[in-house]
Amino acid sequence: MSGLKLFRIVAWAAVAVLAAGSGYLVYQQTVASSNSGALIEPLASIGGDFELVNGNGEAVTQDTFAGKPTLMFFGFTYCPDVCPTTLAELQGWMEVLGEDAGKLNYAFVTVDPERDTPEVMRDYVWAFDERITPLTGTPEQVEAMLKTYRVYAKKVPLDDGDYTMDHSAAVYLMNADNKFVGTIAYQESEETTLAKLKRLIENAAPST
């Protein structure tokens, strides 16, 4: 955690622009004809198979999250602003959901596997909440997942010879079949966010 102080604050406004307009992601989070906050229909072009490891070094694939919807956020442990803010908000949403929080999976996927080892990821993520699964892997494994999920991530050199990362700042909403159904924008209102999460849970209920 203390390593965060070594890095300069990046111009996250640029990331927000990319999150809003990038061709890598579809950021329409509600059905255009509805004001109810309904999630969009699943988009097959975002999401799919992956193979990473969790904070204990154990293999994790898309099947690990099968059966429940998943909130998935992509970031890195040296992130000075967006990532800790989003993880803190995620913890808050879980507290508000109460028992219903257990009906969802939660994952934080690194975009910086060079520095984010399983142990580093575990210590960082679990400082917020141990229900959030930290995910990392080899650079090749992470890059493959970023492509599959259409995630923007770019290494940005710093003047002192080190680097930071620009990356997509939205939380991905995946249904119980690991299909992309929407996003939660960075610092979106809690009211709108919780409406989306409750709808995600309701849509995952087995049909009778």
Protein backbone atom coordinates (compact mmCIF):
# COMPACT_ATOMS: atom_id res chain seq x y z
CA MET A 1 0.00 0.00 0.00
CA SER A 2 2.81 2.43 0.80
CA GLY A 3 4.15 2.09 -2.73
CA LEU A 4 1.24 4.13 -3.96
CA LYS A 5 2.94 7.26 -2.61
CA LEU A 6 5.80 6.82 -5.06
CA PHE A 7 3.63 7.45 -8.09
CA ARG A 8 2.30 10.68 -9.48
CA ILE A 9 -1.37 11.27 -9.96
CA VAL A 10 -2.17 10.51 -13.61
CA ALA A 11 -4.55 12.61 -15.70
CA TRP A 12 -7.53 10.33 -15.17
CA ALA A 13 -9.75 12.66 -17.15
CA ALA A 14 -8.20 11.09 -20.23
CA VAL A 15 -9.23 7.66 -19.00
CA ALA A 16 -12.76 8.89 -18.44
CA VAL A 17 -12.92 10.08 -22.04
CA LEU A 18 -11.73 6.71 -23.23
CA ALA A 19 -14.24 4.96 -21.02
CA ALA A 20 -17.01 7.06 -22.47
CA GLY A 21 -16.16 6.82 -26.11
CA SER A 22 -13.70 4.02 -26.77
CA GLY A 23 -14.50 1.47 -29.42
CA TYR A 24 -13.19 -1.22 -27.12
CA LEU A 25 -16.21 -1.12 -24.85
CA VAL A 26 -19.92 -0.68 -25.11
CA TYR A 27 -20.94 1.70 -22.36
CA GLN A 28 -24.68 1.73 -22.96
CA GLN A 29 -25.78 0.48 -19.56
CA THR A 30 -29.55 0.67 -19.88
CA VAL A 31 -32.15 -0.11 -22.49
CA ALA A 32 -32.72 3.08 -24.45
CA SER A 33 -36.50 2.80 -24.35
CA SER A 34 -36.68 2.28 -20.60
CA ASN A 35 -36.11 4.50 -17.57
CA SER A 36 -36.10 1.56 -15.17
CA GLY A 37 -32.34 0.99 -15.17
CA ALA A 38 -32.74 -2.36 -16.91
CA LEU A 39 -29.54 -3.96 -18.11
CA ILE A 40 -28.84 -4.34 -21.80
CA GLU A 41 -29.04 -7.63 -23.64
CA PRO A 42 -25.86 -9.76 -23.39
CA LEU A 43 -23.15 -8.83 -25.90
CA ALA A 44 -21.17 -11.84 -27.10
CA SER A 45 -18.25 -9.66 -28.27
CA ILE A 46 -17.22 -8.76 -24.70
CA GLY A 47 -16.13 -11.46 -22.28
CA GLY A 48 -15.22 -15.11 -22.68
CA ASP A 49 -12.75 -17.72 -21.53
CA PHE A 50 -9.70 -16.81 -19.48
CA GLU A 51 -7.11 -18.43 -17.24
CA LEU A 52 -5.48 -16.49 -14.40
CA VAL A 53 -4.52 -17.09 -10.76
CA ASN A 54 -5.96 -15.72 -7.55
CA GLY A 55 -4.17 -14.23 -4.56
CA ASN A 56 -3.15 -17.69 -3.36
CA GLY A 57 -1.68 -18.66 -6.73
CA GLU A 58 -4.59 -20.99 -7.52
CA ALA A 59 -5.85 -21.30 -11.09
CA VAL A 60 -9.04 -19.37 -11.86
CA THR A 61 -11.08 -19.54 -15.07
CA GLN A 62 -14.45 -18.24 -16.18
CA ASP A 63 -15.94 -21.44 -14.76
CA THR A 64 -14.89 -20.38 -11.26
CA PHE A 65 -17.59 -17.70 -11.35
CA ALA A 66 -20.26 -19.83 -13.02
CA GLY A 67 -23.78 -19.70 -11.63
CA LYS A 68 -23.71 -16.15 -10.26
CA PRO A 69 -23.37 -12.73 -11.90
CA THR A 70 -19.96 -11.09 -11.53
CA LEU A 71 -18.74 -7.55 -10.97
CA MET A 72 -15.34 -7.28 -12.62
CA PHE A 73 -12.97 -4.32 -12.32
CA PHE A 74 -9.63 -3.93 -14.09
CA GLY A 75 -6.86 -1.92 -12.46
CA PHE A 76 -3.52 -2.18 -10.64
CA THR A 77 -2.18 -1.93 -7.12
CA TYR A 78 0.02 1.12 -7.78
CA CYS A 79 -3.01 3.06 -8.99
CA PRO A 80 -3.10 6.39 -7.15
CA ASP A 81 -6.76 7.27 -7.44
CA VAL A 82 -9.33 5.40 -9.53
CA CYS A 83 -8.66 1.87 -8.28
CA PRO A 84 -8.71 2.45 -4.52
CA THR A 85 -11.76 4.70 -4.94
CA THR A 86 -13.63 2.05 -6.91
CA LEU A 87 -12.68 -0.77 -4.55
CA ALA A 88 -13.86 1.30 -1.58
CA GLU A 89 -17.14 1.98 -3.38
CA LEU A 90 -17.48 -1.71 -4.19
CA GLN A 91 -17.09 -2.53 -0.51
CA GLY A 92 -19.81 0.01 0.27
CA TRP A 93 -22.22 -1.49 -2.28
CA MET A 94 -21.72 -4.91 -0.74
CA GLU A 95 -22.53 -3.56 2.70
CA VAL A 96 -25.73 -1.94 1.44
CA LEU A 97 -26.80 -5.12 -0.37
CA GLY A 98 -26.45 -7.09 2.84
CA GLU A 99 -27.26 -10.77 2.39
CA ASP A 100 -27.90 -10.20 -1.31
CA ALA A 101 -24.21 -9.38 -1.74
CA GLY A 102 -23.57 -13.12 -1.57
CA LYS A 103 -25.55 -13.58 -4.78
CA LEU A 104 -22.79 -11.90 -6.77
CA ASN A 105 -19.14 -12.61 -7.52
CA TYR A 106 -16.52 -9.85 -7.31
CA ALA A 107 -13.15 -9.75 -9.08
CA PHE A 108 -10.31 -7.25 -9.37
CA VAL A 109 -8.11 -8.04 -12.39
CA THR A 110 -4.68 -6.46 -12.72
CA VAL A 111 -3.58 -4.70 -15.89
CA ASP A 112 -0.02 -4.63 -14.51
CA PRO A 113 1.11 -8.25 -14.06
CA GLU A 114 4.79 -7.25 -14.01
CA ARG A 115 4.39 -5.77 -10.52
CA ASP A 116 1.13 -7.31 -9.32
CA THR A 117 2.10 -10.77 -8.12
CA PRO A 118 -0.53 -12.98 -6.45
CA GLU A 119 0.72 -11.96 -3.01
CA VAL A 120 0.72 -8.25 -3.82
CA MET A 121 -2.78 -8.52 -5.26
CA ARG A 122 -4.05 -10.45 -2.25
CA ASP A 123 -2.72 -7.99 0.30
CA TYR A 124 -4.01 -5.00 -1.63
CA VAL A 125 -7.48 -6.27 -2.54
CA TRP A 126 -8.24 -7.99 0.75
CA ALA A 127 -7.45 -4.78 2.60
CA PHE A 128 -10.80 -3.66 1.16
CA ASP A 129 -12.83 -6.90 1.35
CA GLU A 130 -11.91 -10.58 1.25
CA ARG A 131 -14.98 -11.35 -0.84
CA ILE A 132 -13.27 -9.68 -3.79
CA THR A 133 -11.16 -12.16 -5.78
CA PRO A 134 -7.76 -10.73 -6.83
CA LEU A 135 -6.67 -11.99 -10.26
CA THR A 136 -3.30 -11.85 -11.98
CA GLY A 137 -1.16 -14.07 -14.16
CA THR A 138 1.61 -13.99 -16.71
CA PRO A 139 1.75 -10.95 -19.00
CA GLU A 140 0.51 -13.20 -21.80
CA GLN A 141 -2.45 -14.47 -19.77
CA VAL A 142 -3.45 -10.98 -18.68
CA GLU A 143 -3.10 -9.56 -22.19
CA ALA A 144 -5.31 -12.35 -23.56
CA MET A 145 -8.02 -11.55 -21.03
CA LEU A 146 -7.83 -7.81 -21.70
CA LYS A 147 -8.40 -8.49 -25.39
CA THR A 148 -11.26 -10.87 -24.68
CA TYR A 149 -12.98 -8.30 -22.46
CA ARG A 150 -12.11 -5.34 -24.73
CA VAL A 151 -10.30 -3.58 -21.88
CA TYR A 152 -8.15 -0.54 -22.61
CA ALA A 153 -4.79 -0.62 -20.80
CA LYS A 154 -1.57 1.21 -21.66
CA LYS A 155 1.76 1.58 -19.89
CA VAL A 156 2.72 5.25 -19.45
CA PRO A 157 6.40 6.04 -18.74
CA LEU A 158 7.18 8.52 -15.98
CA ASP A 159 10.03 11.02 -15.93
CA ASP A 160 11.85 9.14 -13.18
CA GLY A 161 12.11 6.00 -15.31
CA ASP A 162 9.21 4.20 -13.70
CA TYR A 163 5.73 3.86 -15.18
CA THR A 164 2.04 3.97 -14.41
CA MET A 165 -0.97 2.53 -16.25
CA ASP A 166 -3.90 4.11 -18.03
CA HIS A 167 -6.88 1.78 -18.14
CA SER A 168 -10.63 1.49 -18.50
CA ALA A 169 -12.27 2.80 -15.37
CA ALA A 170 -15.69 1.12 -15.44
CA VAL A 171 -16.90 -1.91 -13.49
CA TYR A 172 -18.07 -4.66 -15.85
CA LEU A 173 -21.34 -6.41 -15.14
CA MET A 174 -21.37 -10.03 -16.30
CA ASN A 175 -24.45 -12.24 -15.96
CA ALA A 176 -24.48 -15.77 -14.54
CA ASP A 177 -23.45 -17.12 -17.96
CA ASN A 178 -20.43 -14.77 -18.06
CA LYS A 179 -22.05 -12.58 -20.70
CA PHE A 180 -21.49 -8.82 -20.61
CA VAL A 181 -24.67 -6.91 -19.78
CA GLY A 182 -23.47 -3.43 -18.84
CA THR A 183 -21.13 -1.29 -16.77
CA ILE A 184 -21.00 0.91 -13.72
CA ALA A 185 -19.20 4.13 -14.60
CA TYR A 186 -16.47 5.58 -12.41
CA GLN A 187 -18.12 7.39 -9.48
CA GLU A 188 -21.60 6.71 -10.78
CA SER A 189 -24.29 7.59 -8.25
CA GLU A 190 -24.97 5.01 -5.58
CA GLU A 191 -28.69 5.06 -6.34
CA THR A 192 -28.18 4.14 -9.99
CA THR A 193 -25.48 1.62 -9.14
CA LEU A 194 -27.58 -0.24 -6.60
CA ALA A 195 -30.52 -0.33 -9.02
CA LYS A 196 -28.27 -2.04 -11.57
CA LEU A 197 -26.94 -4.52 -9.03
CA LYS A 198 -30.41 -5.44 -7.81
CA ARG A 199 -31.55 -5.92 -11.39
CA LEU A 200 -28.49 -8.09 -12.06
CA ILE A 201 -29.44 -10.26 -9.08
CA GLU A 202 -33.08 -10.46 -10.11
CA ASN A 203 -32.19 -11.49 -13.65
CA ALA A 204 -30.01 -14.29 -12.29
CA ALA A 205 -32.88 -15.90 -10.41
CA PRO A 206 -33.72 -19.33 -11.88
CA SER A 207 -36.81 -19.39 -14.07
CA THR A 208 -39.76 -21.52 -12.98
